[in-house]
């Protein structure tokens, strides 16, 4: 999932999000959306049934990216 950060792969990442459901993939998706600086990162985090250190770190990274205006433009 970490390689799905180019703009042309954004839609593919969203499709993966719709089809998979487990902690590792969900944490990766939170991180994926963080790279784009979109609020979908928080939405994906909120939808997780189980949260771990990695998912919490990803959502904290989102906050830092948002505060610094470092998100990628869609």
PDB file of N, CA and C in Angstrom:
ATOM      1  N   UNK A   1       0.807  -1.196   0.000  1.00  0.00           N
ATOM      2  CA  UNK A   1       0.000   0.000   0.000  1.00  0.00           C
ATOM      3  C   UNK A   1       0.853   1.264   0.000  1.00  0.00           C
ATOM      4  N   UNK A   2       2.019   1.218   0.628  1.00  0.00           N
ATOM      5  CA  UNK A   2       2.816   2.424   0.726  1.00  0.00           C
ATOM      6  C   UNK A   2       3.274   2.923  -0.635  1.00  0.00           C
ATOM      7  N   UNK A   3       3.278   2.058  -1.638  1.00  0.00           N
ATOM      8  CA  UNK A   3       3.700   2.486  -2.972  1.00  0.00           C
ATOM      9  C   UNK A   3       2.563   3.124  -3.764  1.00  0.00           C
ATOM     10  N   UNK A   4       1.358   3.084  -3.262  1.00  0.00           N
ATOM     11  CA  UNK A   4       0.215   3.646  -3.993  1.00  0.00           C
ATOM     12  C   UNK A   4       0.030   5.127  -3.673  1.00  0.00           C
ATOM     13  N   UNK A   5       1.051   5.930  -3.911  1.00  0.00           N
ATOM     14  CA  UNK A   5       0.950   7.335  -3.555  1.00  0.00           C
ATOM     15  C   UNK A   5       0.962   8.272  -4.750  1.00  0.00           C
ATOM     16  N   UNK A   6       1.154   7.768  -5.956  1.00  0.00           N
ATOM     17  CA  UNK A   6       1.109   8.631  -7.132  1.00  0.00           C
ATOM     18  C   UNK A   6      -0.347   8.928  -7.480  1.00  0.00           C
ATOM     19  N   UNK A   7      -0.567  10.092  -8.029  1.00  0.00           N
ATOM     20  CA  UNK A   7      -1.922  10.534  -8.353  1.00  0.00           C
ATOM     21  C   UNK A   7      -2.674   9.525  -9.207  1.00  0.00           C
ATOM     22  N   UNK A   8      -1.998   8.931 -10.178  1.00  0.00           N
ATOM     23  CA  UNK A   8      -2.657   7.980 -11.077  1.00  0.00           C
ATOM     24  C   UNK A   8      -3.104   6.719 -10.346  1.00  0.00           C
ATOM     25  N   UNK A   9      -2.557   6.481  -9.163  1.00  0.00           N
ATOM     26  CA  UNK A   9      -2.907   5.281  -8.411  1.00  0.00           C
ATOM     27  C   UNK A   9      -3.892   5.565  -7.281  1.00  0.00           C
ATOM     28  N   UNK A  10      -4.318   6.810  -7.140  1.00  0.00           N
ATOM     29  CA  UNK A  10      -5.240   7.174  -6.069  1.00  0.00           C
ATOM     30  C   UNK A  10      -6.538   6.377  -6.158  1.00  0.00           C
ATOM     31  N   UNK A  11      -7.107   6.295  -7.343  1.00  0.00           N
ATOM     32  CA  UNK A  11      -8.370   5.569  -7.513  1.00  0.00           C
ATOM     33  C   UNK A  11      -8.190   4.087  -7.204  1.00  0.00           C
ATOM     34  N   UNK A  12      -7.069   3.508  -7.595  1.00  0.00           N
ATOM     35  CA  UNK A  12      -6.790   2.110  -7.270  1.00  0.00           C
ATOM     36  C   UNK A  12      -6.754   1.911  -5.755  1.00  0.00           C
ATOM     37  N   UNK A  13      -6.124   2.811  -5.047  1.00  0.00           N
ATOM     38  CA  UNK A  13      -6.087   2.729  -3.586  1.00  0.00           C
ATOM     39  C   UNK A  13      -7.471   2.783  -2.977  1.00  0.00           C
ATOM     40  N   UNK A  14      -8.331   3.609  -3.525  1.00  0.00           N
ATOM     41  CA  UNK A  14      -9.711   3.692  -3.029  1.00  0.00           C
ATOM     42  C   UNK A  14     -10.453   2.387  -3.287  1.00  0.00           C
ATOM     43  N   UNK A  15     -10.197   1.748  -4.425  1.00  0.00           N
ATOM     44  CA  UNK A  15     -10.845   0.469  -4.725  1.00  0.00           C
ATOM     45  C   UNK A  15     -10.367  -0.619  -3.775  1.00  0.00           C
ATOM     46  N   UNK A  16      -9.073  -0.626  -3.472  1.00  0.00           N
ATOM     47  CA  UNK A  16      -8.542  -1.592  -2.508  1.00  0.00           C
ATOM     48  C   UNK A  16      -9.211  -1.383  -1.157  1.00  0.00           C
ATOM     49  N   UNK A  17      -9.394  -0.133  -0.787  1.00  0.00           N
ATOM     50  CA  UNK A  17     -10.032   0.211   0.479  1.00  0.00           C
ATOM     51  C   UNK A  17     -11.414  -0.422   0.584  1.00  0.00           C
ATOM     52  N   UNK A  18     -12.150  -0.422  -0.484  1.00  0.00           N
ATOM     53  CA  UNK A  18     -13.510  -0.964  -0.475  1.00  0.00           C
ATOM     54  C   UNK A  18     -13.542  -2.485  -0.399  1.00  0.00           C
ATOM     55  N   UNK A  19     -12.454  -3.151  -0.748  1.00  0.00           N
ATOM     56  CA  UNK A  19     -12.511  -4.603  -0.859  1.00  0.00           C
ATOM     57  C   UNK A  19     -11.782  -5.367   0.241  1.00  0.00           C
ATOM     58  N   UNK A  20     -11.029  -4.703   1.075  1.00  0.00           N
ATOM     59  CA  UNK A  20     -10.254  -5.410   2.088  1.00  0.00           C
ATOM     60  C   UNK A  20     -10.588  -4.908   3.487  1.00  0.00           C
ATOM     61  N   UNK A  21     -10.477  -5.805   4.465  1.00  0.00           N
ATOM     62  CA  UNK A  21     -10.842  -5.416   5.819  1.00  0.00           C
ATOM     63  C   UNK A  21     -10.016  -6.199   6.839  1.00  0.00           C
ATOM     64  N   UNK A  22      -8.884  -5.677   7.224  1.00  0.00           N
ATOM     65  CA  UNK A  22      -8.136  -6.217   8.350  1.00  0.00           C
ATOM     66  C   UNK A  22      -7.207  -5.139   8.890  1.00  0.00           C
ATOM     67  N   UNK A  23      -6.650  -5.370  10.051  1.00  0.00           N
ATOM     68  CA  UNK A  23      -5.896  -4.339  10.753  1.00  0.00           C
ATOM     69  C   UNK A  23      -4.699  -3.814   9.967  1.00  0.00           C
ATOM     70  N   UNK A  24      -3.915  -4.691   9.382  1.00  0.00           N
ATOM     71  CA  UNK A  24      -2.728  -4.247   8.642  1.00  0.00           C
ATOM     72  C   UNK A  24      -3.129  -3.426   7.427  1.00  0.00           C
ATOM     73  N   UNK A  25      -4.101  -3.919   6.690  1.00  0.00           N
ATOM     74  CA  UNK A  25      -4.550  -3.198   5.499  1.00  0.00           C
ATOM     75  C   UNK A  25      -5.203  -1.881   5.896  1.00  0.00           C
ATOM     76  N   UNK A  26      -6.020  -1.904   6.926  1.00  0.00           N
ATOM     77  CA  UNK A  26      -6.679  -0.668   7.357  1.00  0.00           C
ATOM     78  C   UNK A  26      -5.659   0.377   7.803  1.00  0.00           C
ATOM     79  N   UNK A  27      -4.644  -0.039   8.546  1.00  0.00           N
ATOM     80  CA  UNK A  27      -3.595   0.899   8.961  1.00  0.00           C
ATOM     81  C   UNK A  27      -2.857   1.446   7.747  1.00  0.00           C
ATOM     82  N   UNK A  28      -2.601   0.594   6.777  1.00  0.00           N
ATOM     83  CA  UNK A  28      -1.946   1.030   5.542  1.00  0.00           C
ATOM     84  C   UNK A  28      -2.811   2.026   4.790  1.00  0.00           C
ATOM     85  N   UNK A  29      -4.111   1.815   4.807  1.00  0.00           N
ATOM     86  CA  UNK A  29      -5.020   2.736   4.124  1.00  0.00           C
ATOM     87  C   UNK A  29      -5.054   4.093   4.814  1.00  0.00           C
ATOM     88  N   UNK A  30      -5.020   4.098   6.135  1.00  0.00           N
ATOM     89  CA  UNK A  30      -4.955   5.373   6.854  1.00  0.00           C
ATOM     90  C   UNK A  30      -3.698   6.119   6.413  1.00  0.00           C
ATOM     91  N   UNK A  31      -2.583   5.405   6.367  1.00  0.00           N
ATOM     92  CA  UNK A  31      -1.328   6.009   5.916  1.00  0.00           C
ATOM     93  C   UNK A  31      -1.432   6.466   4.458  1.00  0.00           C
ATOM     94  N   UNK A  32      -2.024   5.640   3.606  1.00  0.00           N
ATOM     95  CA  UNK A  32      -2.210   5.981   2.193  1.00  0.00           C
ATOM     96  C   UNK A  32      -2.955   7.307   2.050  1.00  0.00           C
ATOM     97  N   UNK A  33      -4.086   7.435   2.725  1.00  0.00           N
ATOM     98  CA  UNK A  33      -4.852   8.670   2.630  1.00  0.00           C
ATOM     99  C   UNK A  33      -4.095   9.842   3.243  1.00  0.00           C
ATOM    100  N   UNK A  34      -3.267   9.577   4.257  1.00  0.00           N
ATOM    101  CA  UNK A  34      -2.456  10.627   4.862  1.00  0.00           C
ATOM    102  C   UNK A  34      -1.524  11.258   3.839  1.00  0.00           C
ATOM    103  N   UNK A  35      -0.975  10.454   2.951  1.00  0.00           N
ATOM    104  CA  UNK A  35      -0.064  10.966   1.932  1.00  0.00           C
ATOM    105  C   UNK A  35      -0.739  12.000   1.040  1.00  0.00           C
ATOM    106  N   UNK A  36      -2.042  11.920   0.910  1.00  0.00           N
ATOM    107  CA  UNK A  36      -2.783  12.854   0.073  1.00  0.00           C
ATOM    108  C   UNK A  36      -3.325  14.016   0.880  1.00  0.00           C
ATOM    109  N   UNK A  37      -3.213  13.942   2.202  1.00  0.00           N
ATOM    110  CA  UNK A  37      -3.686  15.034   3.042  1.00  0.00           C
ATOM    111  C   UNK A  37      -5.191  15.196   3.002  1.00  0.00           C
ATOM    112  N   UNK A  38      -5.915  14.119   2.756  1.00  0.00           N
ATOM    113  CA  UNK A  38      -7.363  14.208   2.670  1.00  0.00           C
ATOM    114  C   UNK A  38      -7.997  13.728   3.962  1.00  0.00           C
ATOM    115  N   UNK A  39      -9.177  14.237   4.250  1.00  0.00           N
ATOM    116  CA  UNK A  39      -9.861  13.858   5.485  1.00  0.00           C
ATOM    117  C   UNK A  39     -10.331  12.416   5.457  1.00  0.00           C
ATOM    118  N   UNK A  40     -10.235  11.772   4.309  1.00  0.00           N
ATOM    119  CA  UNK A  40     -10.569  10.347   4.243  1.00  0.00           C
ATOM    120  C   UNK A  40      -9.680   9.534   5.173  1.00  0.00           C
ATOM    121  N   UNK A  41      -8.505  10.058   5.476  1.00  0.00           N
ATOM    122  CA  UNK A  41      -7.605   9.390   6.416  1.00  0.00           C
ATOM    123  C   UNK A  41      -8.280   9.242   7.772  1.00  0.00           C
ATOM    124  N   UNK A  42      -8.871  10.307   8.252  1.00  0.00           N
ATOM    125  CA  UNK A  42      -9.568  10.247   9.540  1.00  0.00           C
ATOM    126  C   UNK A  42     -10.813   9.383   9.452  1.00  0.00           C
ATOM    127  N   UNK A  43     -11.495   9.447   8.337  1.00  0.00           N
ATOM    128  CA  UNK A  43     -12.690   8.624   8.156  1.00  0.00           C
ATOM    129  C   UNK A  43     -12.324   7.140   8.172  1.00  0.00           C
ATOM    130  N   UNK A  44     -11.249   6.783   7.471  1.00  0.00           N
ATOM    131  CA  UNK A  44     -10.790   5.391   7.462  1.00  0.00           C
ATOM    132  C   UNK A  44     -10.396   4.953   8.867  1.00  0.00           C
ATOM    133  N   UNK A  45      -9.747   5.835   9.601  1.00  0.00           N
ATOM    134  CA  UNK A  45      -9.352   5.530  10.979  1.00  0.00           C
ATOM    135  C   UNK A  45     -10.582   5.313  11.855  1.00  0.00           C
ATOM    136  N   UNK A  46     -11.558   6.194  11.734  1.00  0.00           N
ATOM    137  CA  UNK A  46     -12.782   6.077  12.535  1.00  0.00           C
ATOM    138  C   UNK A  46     -13.540   4.788  12.249  1.00  0.00           C
ATOM    139  N   UNK A  47     -13.460   4.296  11.025  1.00  0.00           N
ATOM    140  CA  UNK A  47     -14.197   3.088  10.644  1.00  0.00           C
ATOM    141  C   UNK A  47     -13.509   1.799  11.096  1.00  0.00           C
ATOM    142  N   UNK A  48     -12.264   1.894  11.548  1.00  0.00           N
ATOM    143  CA  UNK A  48     -11.535   0.701  11.974  1.00  0.00           C
ATOM    144  C   UNK A  48     -12.159   0.130  13.247  1.00  0.00           C
ATOM    145  N   UNK A  49     -12.417  -1.175  13.251  1.00  0.00           N
ATOM    146  CA  UNK A  49     -12.951  -1.823  14.443  1.00  0.00           C
ATOM    147  C   UNK A  49     -11.889  -1.939  15.523  1.00  0.00           C
ATOM    148  N   UNK A  50     -10.643  -2.179  15.104  1.00  0.00           N
ATOM    149  CA  UNK A  50      -9.523  -2.341  16.025  1.00  0.00           C
ATOM    150  C   UNK A  50      -8.427  -1.377  15.606  1.00  0.00           C
ATOM    151  N   UNK A  51      -7.894  -0.643  16.565  1.00  0.00           N
ATOM    152  CA  UNK A  51      -6.824   0.312  16.270  1.00  0.00           C
ATOM    153  C   UNK A  51      -5.569  -0.115  17.027  1.00  0.00           C
ATOM    154  N   UNK A  52      -4.403   0.019  16.374  1.00  0.00           N
ATOM    155  CA  UNK A  52      -3.144  -0.332  17.017  1.00  0.00           C
ATOM    156  C   UNK A  52      -2.186   0.857  16.952  1.00  0.00           C
ATOM    157  N   UNK A  53      -0.966   0.643  17.398  1.00  0.00           N
ATOM    158  CA  UNK A  53       0.034   1.706  17.412  1.00  0.00           C
ATOM    159  C   UNK A  53       0.270   2.260  16.009  1.00  0.00           C
ATOM    160  N   UNK A  54       0.288   1.400  15.016  1.00  0.00           N
ATOM    161  CA  UNK A  54       0.546   1.846  13.646  1.00  0.00           C
ATOM    162  C   UNK A  54      -0.581   2.733  13.136  1.00  0.00           C
ATOM    163  N   UNK A  55      -1.814   2.346  13.387  1.00  0.00           N
ATOM    164  CA  UNK A  55      -2.932   3.168  12.916  1.00  0.00           C
ATOM    165  C   UNK A  55      -2.967   4.510  13.642  1.00  0.00           C
ATOM    166  N   UNK A  56      -2.671   4.506  14.940  1.00  0.00           N
ATOM    167  CA  UNK A  56      -2.609   5.772  15.681  1.00  0.00           C
ATOM    168  C   UNK A  56      -1.477   6.648  15.153  1.00  0.00           C
ATOM    169  N   UNK A  57      -0.332   6.062  14.855  1.00  0.00           N
ATOM    170  CA  UNK A  57       0.794   6.833  14.307  1.00  0.00           C
ATOM    171  C   UNK A  57       0.424   7.442  12.959  1.00  0.00           C
ATOM    172  N   UNK A  58      -0.288   6.692  12.142  1.00  0.00           N
ATOM    173  CA  UNK A  58      -0.697   7.200  10.828  1.00  0.00           C
ATOM    174  C   UNK A  58      -1.631   8.389  10.967  1.00  0.00           C
ATOM    175  N   UNK A  59      -2.562   8.315  11.902  1.00  0.00           N
ATOM    176  CA  UNK A  59      -3.507   9.421  12.061  1.00  0.00           C
ATOM    177  C   UNK A  59      -2.805  10.645  12.670  1.00  0.00           C
ATOM    178  N   UNK A  60      -1.818  10.420  13.518  1.00  0.00           N
ATOM    179  CA  UNK A  60      -1.030  11.544  14.031  1.00  0.00           C
ATOM    180  C   UNK A  60      -0.208  12.177  12.914  1.00  0.00           C
ATOM    181  N   UNK A  61       0.328  11.351  12.025  1.00  0.00           N
ATOM    182  CA  UNK A  61       1.051  11.862  10.863  1.00  0.00           C
ATOM    183  C   UNK A  61       0.127  12.727  10.009  1.00  0.00           C
ATOM    184  N   UNK A  62      -1.118  12.296   9.850  1.00  0.00           N
ATOM    185  CA  UNK A  62      -2.094  13.087   9.098  1.00  0.00           C
ATOM    186  C   UNK A  62      -2.212  14.488   9.691  1.00  0.00           C
ATOM    187  N   UNK A  63      -2.311  14.552  11.023  1.00  0.00           N
ATOM    188  CA  UNK A  63      -2.450  15.852  11.681  1.00  0.00           C
ATOM    189  C   UNK A  63      -1.230  16.739  11.408  1.00  0.00           C
ATOM    190  N   UNK A  64      -0.034  16.152  11.460  1.00  0.00           N
ATOM    191  CA  UNK A  64       1.178  16.921  11.175  1.00  0.00           C
ATOM    192  C   UNK A  64       1.206  17.403   9.732  1.00  0.00           C
ATOM    193  N   UNK A  65       0.847  16.533   8.808  1.00  0.00           N
ATOM    194  CA  UNK A  65       0.815  16.897   7.390  1.00  0.00           C
ATOM    195  C   UNK A  65      -0.175  18.029   7.170  1.00  0.00           C
ATOM    196  N   UNK A  66      -1.331  17.919   7.782  1.00  0.00           N
ATOM    197  CA  UNK A  66      -2.366  18.937   7.618  1.00  0.00           C
ATOM    198  C   UNK A  66      -1.917  20.284   8.187  1.00  0.00           C
ATOM    199  N   UNK A  67      -1.319  20.256   9.373  1.00  0.00           N
ATOM    200  CA  UNK A  67      -0.878  21.500   9.998  1.00  0.00           C
ATOM    201  C   UNK A  67       0.221  22.186   9.197  1.00  0.00           C
ATOM    202  N   UNK A  68       1.093  21.405   8.587  1.00  0.00           N
ATOM    203  CA  UNK A  68       2.209  21.969   7.828  1.00  0.00           C
ATOM    204  C   UNK A  68       1.855  22.225   6.369  1.00  0.00           C
ATOM    205  N   UNK A  69       0.645  21.827   5.938  1.00  0.00           N
ATOM    206  CA  UNK A  69       0.243  22.025   4.552  1.00  0.00           C
ATOM    207  C   UNK A  69       1.078  21.221   3.573  1.00  0.00           C
ATOM    208  N   UNK A  70       1.486  20.023   3.997  1.00  0.00           N
ATOM    209  CA  UNK A  70       2.383  19.211   3.185  1.00  0.00           C
ATOM    210  C   UNK A  70       1.665  18.146   2.371  1.00  0.00           C
ATOM    211  N   UNK A  71       0.348  18.102   2.392  1.00  0.00           N
ATOM    212  CA  UNK A  71      -0.384  17.090   1.641  1.00  0.00           C
ATOM    213  C   UNK A  71      -0.225  17.274   0.144  1.00  0.00           C
ATOM    214  N   UNK A  72      -0.323  16.198  -0.581  1.00  0.00           N
ATOM    215  CA  UNK A  72      -0.236  16.257  -2.040  1.00  0.00           C
ATOM    216  C   UNK A  72      -1.536  16.801  -2.607  1.00  0.00           C
ATOM    217  N   UNK A  73      -1.425  17.469  -3.718  1.00  0.00           N
ATOM    218  CA  UNK A  73      -2.605  18.023  -4.385  1.00  0.00           C
ATOM    219  C   UNK A  73      -3.217  16.973  -5.290  1.00  0.00           C
ATOM    220  N   UNK A  74      -4.544  16.826  -5.223  1.00  0.00           N
ATOM    221  CA  UNK A  74      -5.243  15.875  -6.093  1.00  0.00           C
ATOM    222  C   UNK A  74      -5.471  16.478  -7.458  1.00  0.00           C
TER     223      UNK A  74
END
